[in-house]
Amino acid sequence: MTMIMIIAGIGNRLRGDDGFGPRVIDILSTYSLPENVEIRDVGTAGITIATDFSDYNEILFLDAMEMEGAPGKIIMDLIKIENINENISELAKTSLHEVGLEGLLHFSKAIGALPPKVILIGCKPKNIDISLDLSKEVEEATVNAARMVIDYLEKKDK
């Protein structure tokens, strides 16, 4: 069986640094990626994309996220699937487009669509006000994040 991976950029391009994930997807689209790797700007699709994940063996999310440190800080982390709660009763209280990455993971696991391997590359935003532009710090981080993805893919091939 061929291992198929999706790299999903999450975020709202109209909210400044929240557009980090989609912007990294733009950069990755200029690279020649392995045939078994799909890239997709999922924007703010929320849990409506969860059923798509069952087609993949691995997913790598790119998303702006609050964390300690300076704006533009990047982390890369393997998400432990066994630690994701399958209780989705709280999701019914929000819009399907407002659940965020955590809600998407909970829902995907609950419906059996979450791949066995999930990786997150997150970036601390500086500004998420209405704007089409990323801050200087996050713009620089998009290039670094794209390089992290390429390095990860190259290591996987070995």
Protein backbone atom coordinates (compact mmCIF):
# COMPACT_ATOMS: atom_id res chain seq x y z
CA MET A 1 0.00 0.00 0.00
CA THR A 2 1.33 3.44 -0.95
CA MET A 3 1.68 5.87 1.92
CA ILE A 4 -0.20 9.06 1.07
CA MET A 5 0.37 12.29 2.95
CA ILE A 6 -1.49 15.59 3.00
CA ILE A 7 0.02 18.89 4.06
CA ALA A 8 -2.83 21.17 5.12
CA GLY A 9 -2.48 24.92 5.58
CA ILE A 10 -5.06 26.19 8.06
CA GLY A 11 -5.93 29.85 8.50
CA ASN A 12 -7.74 32.94 7.32
CA ARG A 13 -5.80 34.95 4.74
CA LEU A 14 -7.94 38.00 5.61
CA ARG A 15 -6.73 38.07 9.25
CA GLY A 16 -3.06 38.97 8.93
CA ASP A 17 -0.79 36.37 10.53
CA ASP A 18 -3.63 33.84 10.74
CA GLY A 19 -2.85 33.33 7.05
CA PHE A 20 0.45 31.62 7.97
CA GLY A 21 -0.68 28.09 6.98
CA PRO A 22 -2.10 29.02 3.56
CA ARG A 23 0.98 31.18 2.83
CA VAL A 24 3.31 28.24 3.52
CA ILE A 25 1.20 26.16 1.11
CA ASP A 26 1.78 28.88 -1.52
CA ILE A 27 5.54 28.51 -1.02
CA LEU A 28 5.41 24.70 -1.09
CA SER A 29 3.47 24.83 -4.37
CA THR A 30 6.64 26.14 -6.03
CA TYR A 31 8.57 22.97 -5.07
CA SER A 32 8.59 19.63 -6.81
CA LEU A 33 7.13 17.39 -4.11
CA PRO A 34 6.93 13.58 -4.04
CA GLU A 35 3.94 12.10 -5.90
CA ASN A 36 2.48 10.70 -2.70
CA VAL A 37 2.32 14.14 -1.05
CA GLU A 38 -0.66 16.43 -1.55
CA ILE A 39 -0.72 20.04 -0.43
CA ARG A 40 -3.93 21.89 0.27
CA ASP A 41 -4.95 25.32 1.53
CA VAL A 42 -7.89 24.32 3.74
CA GLY A 43 -8.38 27.88 4.97
CA THR A 44 -11.14 28.04 7.57
CA ALA A 45 -13.03 24.95 6.42
CA GLY A 46 -13.34 23.70 10.00
CA ILE A 47 -14.64 20.18 10.57
CA THR A 48 -16.21 20.03 7.12
CA ILE A 49 -12.89 18.69 5.77
CA ALA A 50 -12.54 15.94 8.41
CA THR A 51 -13.95 13.18 6.21
CA ASP A 52 -11.25 13.90 3.60
CA PHE A 53 -8.52 12.83 6.02
CA SER A 54 -9.48 9.15 5.89
CA ASP A 55 -7.81 9.04 2.45
CA TYR A 56 -4.35 9.66 3.97
CA ASN A 57 -1.81 7.82 6.13
CA GLU A 58 -0.25 11.01 7.45
CA ILE A 59 -1.20 14.65 7.82
CA LEU A 60 0.96 17.67 8.49
CA PHE A 61 -0.90 20.79 9.62
CA LEU A 62 0.49 24.30 9.21
CA ASP A 63 -1.27 26.79 11.48
CA ALA A 64 -0.83 30.03 13.43
CA MET A 65 -1.11 29.32 17.14
CA GLU A 66 -0.63 31.05 20.45
CA MET A 67 2.47 29.93 22.33
CA GLU A 68 5.28 31.33 24.46
CA GLY A 69 7.99 33.28 22.70
CA ALA A 70 8.31 36.01 20.12
CA PRO A 71 6.09 36.42 17.05
CA GLY A 72 7.37 34.25 14.23
CA LYS A 73 8.51 31.45 16.56
CA ILE A 74 7.94 28.05 14.91
CA ILE A 75 7.42 24.69 16.54
CA MET A 76 7.15 21.26 14.95
CA ASP A 77 5.47 18.55 16.99
CA LEU A 78 4.15 15.04 16.56
CA ILE A 79 0.60 14.94 17.91
CA LYS A 80 -0.08 11.87 20.01
CA ILE A 81 -3.31 10.46 18.60
CA GLU A 82 -4.03 8.51 21.77
CA ASN A 83 -4.22 11.81 23.71
CA ILE A 84 -6.97 13.24 21.51
CA ASN A 85 -10.36 13.09 23.18
CA GLU A 86 -13.16 11.64 21.04
CA ASN A 87 -15.91 13.45 22.95
CA ILE A 88 -17.31 15.95 20.46
CA SER A 89 -20.41 17.07 22.38
CA GLU A 90 -18.91 20.54 22.94
CA LEU A 91 -18.44 21.04 19.19
CA ALA A 92 -22.21 21.14 18.68
CA LYS A 93 -22.23 24.48 20.52
CA THR A 94 -20.08 26.25 17.91
CA SER A 95 -20.22 26.90 14.19
CA LEU A 96 -18.74 24.17 12.02
CA HIS A 97 -16.26 26.75 10.75
CA GLU A 98 -15.11 27.97 14.18
CA VAL A 99 -13.82 24.84 15.86
CA GLY A 100 -10.11 25.38 15.18
CA LEU A 101 -7.45 22.72 14.82
CA GLU A 102 -8.17 21.12 18.19
CA GLY A 103 -11.85 20.66 17.33
CA LEU A 104 -10.93 19.32 13.90
CA LEU A 105 -8.65 16.71 15.49
CA HIS A 106 -11.32 15.66 18.02
CA PHE A 107 -13.98 15.34 15.33
CA SER A 108 -11.70 13.52 12.87
CA LYS A 109 -10.76 10.98 15.53
CA ALA A 110 -14.38 10.52 16.63
CA ILE A 111 -15.51 9.64 13.10
CA GLY A 112 -12.49 7.41 12.44
CA ALA A 113 -10.96 9.66 9.77
CA LEU A 114 -7.77 10.75 11.54
CA PRO A 115 -4.61 9.26 10.00
CA PRO A 116 -2.26 7.36 12.33
CA LYS A 117 0.41 10.07 12.10
CA VAL A 118 -0.34 13.76 12.64
CA ILE A 119 2.30 16.49 12.74
CA LEU A 120 1.85 20.17 13.49
CA ILE A 121 4.04 23.06 12.43
CA GLY A 122 2.79 26.07 14.34
CA CYS A 123 3.81 29.71 14.24
CA LYS A 124 3.20 32.39 16.85
CA PRO A 125 1.29 35.29 15.23
CA LYS A 126 1.96 38.97 15.87
CA ASN A 127 -1.20 40.44 14.37
CA ILE A 128 -4.51 38.76 13.50
CA ASP A 129 -6.42 41.95 12.73
CA ILE A 130 -8.11 42.35 9.35
CA SER A 131 -5.27 42.50 6.84
CA LEU A 132 -4.07 40.68 3.75
CA ASP A 133 -0.46 41.08 4.87
CA LEU A 134 1.58 38.98 7.26
CA SER A 135 3.79 40.71 9.80
CA LYS A 136 7.50 40.79 8.92
CA GLU A 137 8.21 38.15 11.59
CA VAL A 138 5.60 35.70 10.35
CA GLU A 139 6.44 36.32 6.68
CA GLU A 140 10.02 35.26 7.48
CA ALA A 141 8.67 32.26 9.41
CA THR A 142 6.74 31.03 6.35
CA VAL A 143 10.02 30.50 4.48
CA ASN A 144 11.52 28.69 7.47
CA ALA A 145 8.41 26.53 7.87
CA ALA A 146 8.46 25.57 4.18
CA ARG A 147 12.12 24.57 4.60
CA MET A 148 11.16 22.46 7.64
CA VAL A 149 8.55 20.65 5.54
CA ILE A 150 11.01 20.00 2.70
CA ASP A 151 13.64 18.74 5.18
CA TYR A 152 11.05 16.46 6.79
CA LEU A 153 10.02 15.03 3.41
CA GLU A 154 13.65 14.46 2.40
CA LYS A 155 14.33 12.57 5.67
CA LYS A 156 11.21 10.44 5.12
CA ASP A 157 12.51 9.35 1.71
CA LYS A 158 15.72 7.97 3.20
